[in-house]
Protein backbone atom coordinates (compact mmCIF):
# COMPACT_ATOMS: atom_id res chain seq x y z
CA MET A 1 2.68 32.05 7.34
CA ASP A 2 0.83 31.31 4.10
CA PRO A 3 -2.67 32.62 3.28
CA ALA A 4 -4.42 29.51 4.60
CA GLY A 5 -2.92 29.97 8.04
CA THR A 6 -0.40 27.15 7.79
CA ASP A 7 2.96 28.09 9.27
CA LEU A 8 5.20 26.24 6.86
CA ALA A 9 8.29 27.17 8.85
CA SER A 10 7.03 25.33 11.94
CA LEU A 11 5.98 22.03 10.38
CA THR A 12 6.88 18.94 12.39
CA PRO A 13 7.78 15.84 10.34
CA LEU A 14 5.55 12.84 10.95
CA ALA A 15 7.32 9.52 11.41
CA GLY A 16 6.42 6.33 9.59
CA GLY A 17 7.03 6.94 5.90
CA TRP A 18 10.03 7.11 3.61
CA SER A 19 9.03 10.15 1.59
CA GLY A 20 9.66 12.82 4.24
CA GLN A 21 6.81 14.88 2.83
CA THR A 22 4.17 14.70 5.58
CA PHE A 23 4.09 17.11 8.48
CA LEU A 24 2.01 18.10 11.50
CA ALA A 25 0.94 21.73 11.50
CA GLY A 26 -1.37 24.19 13.18
CA VAL A 27 -4.19 25.47 10.96
CA ALA A 28 -6.82 27.83 12.38
CA GLY A 29 -5.83 26.86 15.89
CA GLU A 30 -6.16 23.11 15.34
CA GLN A 31 -3.72 20.38 14.40
CA SER A 32 -3.76 19.34 10.78
CA VAL A 33 -1.57 17.27 8.51
CA VAL A 34 0.19 18.90 5.57
CA ARG A 35 1.60 16.86 2.74
CA ILE A 36 4.09 18.77 0.60
CA TYR A 37 4.62 17.61 -2.97
CA ALA A 38 8.07 19.08 -3.47
CA GLU A 39 9.46 16.27 -5.63
CA PRO A 40 7.74 14.71 -8.64
CA GLY A 41 6.49 11.18 -8.02
CA PRO A 42 4.85 8.49 -10.16
CA ARG A 43 1.69 10.61 -10.43
CA GLY A 44 3.55 13.71 -11.55
CA ASP A 45 1.95 17.10 -11.08
CA ALA A 46 -1.47 15.56 -10.32
CA ALA A 47 -0.37 13.67 -7.21
CA HIS A 48 -2.02 16.01 -4.72
CA GLU A 49 -5.29 15.98 -6.66
CA VAL A 50 -5.32 12.18 -6.89
CA ASP A 51 -4.63 11.80 -3.17
CA ALA A 52 -7.42 14.24 -2.31
CA ALA A 53 -9.87 12.51 -4.66
CA LEU A 54 -9.13 9.11 -3.12
CA LEU A 55 -9.71 10.39 0.41
CA ARG A 56 -13.01 11.90 -0.65
CA LEU A 57 -13.98 8.69 -2.48
CA VAL A 58 -13.55 6.37 0.50
CA ARG A 59 -14.39 8.68 3.41
CA GLY A 60 -17.36 7.23 5.28
CA LEU A 61 -16.49 3.73 4.08
CA VAL A 62 -12.89 3.54 5.30
CA PRO A 63 -11.43 5.59 8.19
CA VAL A 64 -9.48 8.37 6.46
CA ALA A 65 -8.76 12.02 7.14
CA GLU A 66 -10.99 14.83 5.93
CA VAL A 67 -9.62 16.92 3.08
CA LEU A 68 -9.35 20.54 4.24
CA GLU A 69 -7.48 22.12 1.35
CA VAL A 70 -5.89 21.19 -1.95
CA ARG A 71 -3.47 23.64 -3.51
CA ARG A 72 -1.64 23.52 -6.81
CA ALA A 73 2.01 24.42 -7.06
CA ASP A 74 2.81 28.06 -7.79
CA PRO A 75 5.92 28.28 -10.00
CA ALA A 76 6.01 32.06 -9.60
CA THR A 77 6.60 31.87 -5.85
CA GLY A 78 8.21 28.45 -5.69
CA MET A 79 5.42 27.16 -3.46
CA PRO A 80 4.94 23.38 -3.97
CA ALA A 81 1.56 21.70 -4.20
CA LEU A 82 -0.05 21.02 -0.82
CA LEU A 83 -2.71 18.75 0.60
CA VAL A 84 -4.04 19.67 4.04
CA THR A 85 -6.12 17.13 5.93
CA SER A 86 -7.51 16.66 9.40
CA HIS A 87 -5.28 15.05 12.02
CA LEU A 88 -6.50 11.60 13.05
CA PRO A 89 -6.13 10.14 16.56
CA GLY A 90 -4.59 6.78 17.31
CA GLU A 91 -1.28 4.98 17.61
CA ARG A 92 0.64 3.65 14.64
CA GLY A 93 -0.14 -0.01 14.11
CA ASP A 94 3.49 -1.11 13.78
CA LEU A 95 4.21 0.32 17.24
CA LEU A 96 1.05 -1.04 18.86
CA LEU A 97 0.89 -4.55 17.41
CA PRO A 98 4.01 -5.94 19.19
CA THR A 99 2.60 -4.84 22.56
CA LEU A 100 -0.68 -6.76 22.21
CA ASP A 101 -1.44 -10.23 23.58
CA ALA A 102 -2.74 -13.01 21.34
CA PRO A 103 -6.49 -12.27 21.70
CA ALA A 104 -5.92 -8.58 21.03
CA ARG A 105 -3.77 -9.30 17.97
CA ALA A 106 -6.52 -11.54 16.65
CA GLU A 107 -9.15 -8.87 17.26
CA LEU A 108 -7.11 -6.24 15.47
CA GLY A 109 -6.45 -8.66 12.62
CA ALA A 110 -10.17 -9.21 12.14
CA ARG A 111 -10.80 -5.46 12.12
CA LEU A 112 -8.14 -4.91 9.48
CA ALA A 113 -9.61 -7.71 7.38
CA GLY A 114 -12.93 -5.90 7.44
CA ILE A 115 -11.35 -2.79 5.97
CA LEU A 116 -9.56 -4.87 3.34
CA ALA A 117 -12.84 -6.52 2.41
CA ASP A 118 -14.45 -3.09 2.01
CA LEU A 119 -11.64 -1.95 -0.28
CA GLY A 120 -11.92 -5.18 -2.24
CA GLY A 121 -15.58 -4.40 -2.87
CA MET A 122 -14.95 -1.00 -4.51
CA PRO A 123 -14.89 -1.94 -8.21
CA PHE A 124 -13.26 -0.37 -11.22
CA LEU A 125 -13.57 -1.39 -14.86
CA ARG A 126 -9.88 -1.93 -15.55
CA SER A 127 -6.55 -1.93 -13.77
CA GLY A 128 -4.01 0.87 -13.82
CA PRO A 129 -2.74 3.92 -11.96
CA PHE A 130 -4.87 6.97 -11.25
CA VAL A 131 -3.68 9.91 -13.33
CA ASP A 132 -5.76 12.91 -12.23
CA GLY A 133 -8.28 14.28 -9.78
CA ASP A 134 -11.12 12.57 -11.66
CA LEU A 135 -9.43 9.23 -10.93
CA ARG A 136 -9.07 8.41 -14.59
CA ILE A 137 -7.04 5.25 -15.07
CA GLY A 138 -3.84 5.24 -17.08
CA SER A 139 -1.25 2.59 -17.86
CA PHE A 140 1.44 1.10 -15.65
CA TRP A 141 3.66 0.69 -18.68
CA PRO A 142 4.79 3.90 -20.37
CA ASP A 143 6.51 4.25 -23.72
CA GLY A 144 4.43 1.59 -25.40
CA GLN A 145 5.67 -1.28 -23.25
CA ASP A 146 3.40 -4.31 -23.23
CA VAL A 147 3.78 -6.32 -20.02
CA ASP A 148 1.20 -9.07 -20.06
CA GLY A 149 1.22 -10.79 -16.70
CA LEU A 150 3.64 -11.58 -13.93
CA PRO A 151 5.99 -13.84 -15.96
CA ALA A 152 6.53 -11.01 -18.45
CA TYR A 153 7.17 -8.59 -15.60
CA VAL A 154 9.77 -10.95 -14.12
CA ASP A 155 11.51 -11.05 -17.51
CA LEU A 156 11.47 -7.25 -17.62
CA ALA A 157 12.94 -7.00 -14.10
CA THR A 158 15.58 -9.72 -14.51
CA PRO A 159 18.38 -7.39 -15.74
CA GLN A 160 17.95 -5.37 -12.54
CA LEU A 161 18.51 -8.46 -10.35
CA GLY A 162 22.16 -8.84 -11.15
CA TRP A 163 23.07 -10.25 -7.72
CA TRP A 164 20.67 -13.20 -8.13
CA THR A 165 21.95 -16.62 -9.19
CA PRO A 166 20.67 -18.34 -12.37
CA ASP A 167 18.89 -20.93 -10.23
CA GLU A 168 17.11 -18.21 -8.24
CA LEU A 169 15.97 -16.51 -11.43
CA ASP A 170 14.70 -19.82 -12.83
CA GLY A 171 12.81 -20.40 -9.59
CA LEU A 172 11.24 -16.97 -9.73
CA ARG A 173 10.05 -17.59 -13.28
CA GLU A 174 8.46 -20.89 -12.24
CA VAL A 175 6.69 -19.26 -9.30
CA ALA A 176 5.50 -16.39 -11.50
CA VAL A 177 3.87 -18.73 -14.03
CA ASP A 178 1.91 -20.59 -11.35
CA ALA A 179 1.01 -17.36 -9.56
CA GLN A 180 -0.36 -15.73 -12.69
CA ALA A 181 -2.52 -18.76 -13.41
CA LEU A 182 -4.00 -18.45 -9.93
CA LEU A 183 -4.51 -14.68 -10.20
CA ASP A 184 -6.34 -15.15 -13.50
CA THR A 185 -9.08 -17.05 -11.66
CA VAL A 186 -10.28 -13.71 -10.24
CA GLY A 187 -11.86 -11.75 -13.06
CA ARG A 188 -12.36 -8.30 -11.59
CA VAL A 189 -10.39 -5.32 -10.34
CA CYS A 190 -10.95 -2.96 -7.43
CA LEU A 191 -9.49 -0.10 -5.45
CA VAL A 192 -6.09 -1.09 -4.04
CA HIS A 193 -4.36 0.92 -1.32
CA SER A 194 -1.08 -0.83 -2.21
CA ASP A 195 0.73 -0.02 1.04
CA PHE A 196 -1.70 -1.51 3.54
CA ASN A 197 0.45 -2.47 6.50
CA PRO A 198 0.61 -1.54 10.21
CA LYS A 199 2.97 1.38 9.54
CA ASN A 200 0.22 3.12 7.61
CA LEU A 201 -2.59 2.41 10.06
CA LEU A 202 -3.73 4.28 13.17
CA VAL A 203 -5.42 2.32 15.95
CA ASP A 204 -7.09 3.29 19.23
CA PRO A 205 -4.96 1.34 21.77
CA ARG A 206 -7.91 0.95 24.16
CA THR A 207 -10.67 -0.21 21.81
CA LEU A 208 -8.50 -1.49 18.92
CA GLU A 209 -10.70 0.48 16.55
CA VAL A 210 -8.86 1.43 13.38
CA THR A 211 -8.98 5.23 13.31
CA GLY A 212 -7.03 5.91 10.14
CA VAL A 213 -5.69 4.43 6.92
CA LEU A 214 -2.80 6.65 5.82
CA ASP A 215 -0.57 7.24 2.79
CA TRP A 216 -2.57 6.58 -0.36
CA GLU A 217 0.26 7.60 -2.71
CA PHE A 218 0.51 4.14 -4.30
CA ALA A 219 -3.23 3.47 -4.56
CA HIS A 220 -4.46 2.18 -7.91
CA SER A 221 -7.03 -0.04 -9.54
CA GLY A 222 -5.83 -3.62 -9.40
CA HIS A 223 -6.21 -7.18 -8.16
CA PRO A 224 -8.57 -7.67 -5.17
CA PHE A 225 -6.02 -9.70 -3.19
CA THR A 226 -3.14 -7.24 -3.50
CA ASP A 227 -3.74 -5.47 -0.19
CA LEU A 228 -4.15 -8.74 1.70
CA GLY A 229 -0.80 -9.82 0.33
CA ASN A 230 0.77 -6.55 1.41
CA LEU A 231 -0.55 -6.87 4.96
CA LEU A 232 0.69 -10.45 5.33
CA ARG A 233 3.97 -10.02 3.41
CA PHE A 234 6.29 -10.21 6.41
CA GLU A 235 3.69 -11.27 8.96
CA ARG A 236 4.06 -14.77 10.38
CA ASP A 237 2.25 -14.38 13.73
CA GLU A 238 -0.29 -17.22 13.71
CA ASP A 239 -2.95 -15.52 15.86
CA PHE A 240 -2.95 -12.35 13.79
CA THR A 241 -2.69 -14.08 10.40
CA ALA A 242 -5.41 -16.64 11.14
CA ALA A 243 -7.81 -13.93 12.28
CA VAL A 244 -7.12 -11.79 9.20
CA LEU A 245 -7.68 -14.69 6.82
CA ALA A 246 -10.79 -16.00 8.56
CA ALA A 247 -12.49 -12.61 8.65
CA TYR A 248 -11.48 -11.71 5.10
CA ALA A 249 -12.57 -15.06 3.68
CA ASP A 250 -15.92 -14.80 5.43
CA ARG A 251 -16.58 -11.36 3.95
CA ARG A 252 -15.35 -12.08 0.42
CA GLY A 253 -16.81 -15.56 0.02
CA THR A 254 -13.68 -17.69 -0.17
CA THR A 255 -11.66 -19.94 2.14
CA PRO A 256 -8.73 -18.83 4.31
CA ALA A 257 -6.38 -21.14 2.40
CA ASP A 258 -7.46 -19.81 -0.98
CA ALA A 259 -7.29 -16.23 0.26
CA LEU A 260 -3.73 -16.74 1.48
CA ALA A 261 -2.63 -18.37 -1.79
CA LEU A 262 -4.10 -15.51 -3.82
CA ALA A 263 -2.59 -12.93 -1.48
CA ARG A 264 0.90 -14.43 -1.80
CA ALA A 265 0.52 -14.58 -5.58
CA ALA A 266 -0.71 -10.99 -5.86
CA ASP A 267 2.10 -9.70 -3.65
CA LEU A 268 4.76 -11.10 -5.98
CA TRP A 269 4.29 -8.07 -8.24
CA ALA A 270 5.32 -5.76 -5.41
CA LEU A 271 8.11 -8.04 -4.20
CA VAL A 272 9.72 -8.09 -7.64
CA ASP A 273 9.52 -4.32 -7.88
CA LEU A 274 10.95 -3.85 -4.39
CA ALA A 275 13.75 -6.36 -4.96
CA THR A 276 15.02 -4.37 -7.94
CA ARG A 277 15.36 -1.39 -5.57
CA ARG A 278 16.76 -3.19 -2.52
CA SER A 279 19.12 -0.34 -1.62
CA VAL A 280 16.34 2.27 -1.39
CA ASN A 281 15.04 1.46 2.11
CA PRO A 282 14.83 -1.40 4.65
CA VAL A 283 11.48 -2.62 3.31
CA ALA A 284 12.92 -3.08 -0.19
CA ALA A 285 15.95 -4.89 1.26
CA ALA A 286 13.72 -7.24 3.26
CA ALA A 287 11.58 -7.86 0.18
CA ASP A 288 14.66 -8.93 -1.77
CA VAL A 289 15.61 -11.43 0.96
CA LEU A 290 12.07 -12.81 1.06
CA LEU A 291 11.70 -13.08 -2.70
CA ARG A 292 15.03 -14.88 -3.10
CA GLU A 293 13.87 -17.48 -0.58
CA VAL A 294 10.59 -17.83 -2.47
CA ALA A 295 12.56 -18.36 -5.67
CA ARG A 296 15.01 -20.86 -4.16
CA ARG A 297 12.21 -23.00 -2.73
CA ARG A 298 9.74 -22.43 -5.58
CA ASP A 299 7.17 -21.58 -2.91
CA PRO A 300 5.33 -18.22 -2.55
CA GLY A 301 4.87 -18.96 1.16
CA ALA A 302 8.56 -19.54 1.89
CA VAL A 303 10.08 -17.78 4.89
CA PRO A 304 13.77 -16.80 5.12
CA ALA A 305 15.67 -18.76 7.78
């Protein structure tokens, strides 16, 4: 038992993520969630502080857990950094959504669009990753790399797509040029969750109220349509998709068709990154399949057969 009352030996892993770092625990007689930062990630030693700062930033605007404790790593004892938060009620969205009928899927889609619209209205001055607990913004490109736009990123990733055919790579480059031109029509950046999908959402199965948005480890400042693209990446259910787009477009002052086009374009950044790591997990493998179909058909909305 550590000084805060968290029995680290009795932590129960929480399902839903790939990191294996989030656990259910008893703290002061109540259930809490403990995230253990045992391995260095993209945010380095500041990851726990960034995650805590993000939760505090959006709490009251977006349904997130309350931060109970933030603890730095202690090299002397070998104790890793910890983030302890309240435990939120609800059922994981990826488990609930397949059980809902069409009207319920549409209702949930509209609720999720409302949260996306709220995130899209939280502005930052420039894009980039958060590097510390003050949410200072750094650069996505270390070591002096200069990656100016999606076409340049595709060129950078091409050597890591060795299983792709020349025609598929040419198609991806064509799609990237058109996508970047579309993305450039939006001249602002905002808070991006960057993993906004049903797996990372908690929902009350009776009321369909969204009770929690989880796993902010990839959050950054970026394009306003990134999260919409993430949510709709593999989603082809017409009732759900139409409700998401209609509600989002109404809140953000665009049309459903334009919102979908921008969402598909914004999501290409993530698809390219995932495709280069297709062996890491099932999501990355599925992204590679989807992106290759997009490239073959020169269409960001293409669906694998």
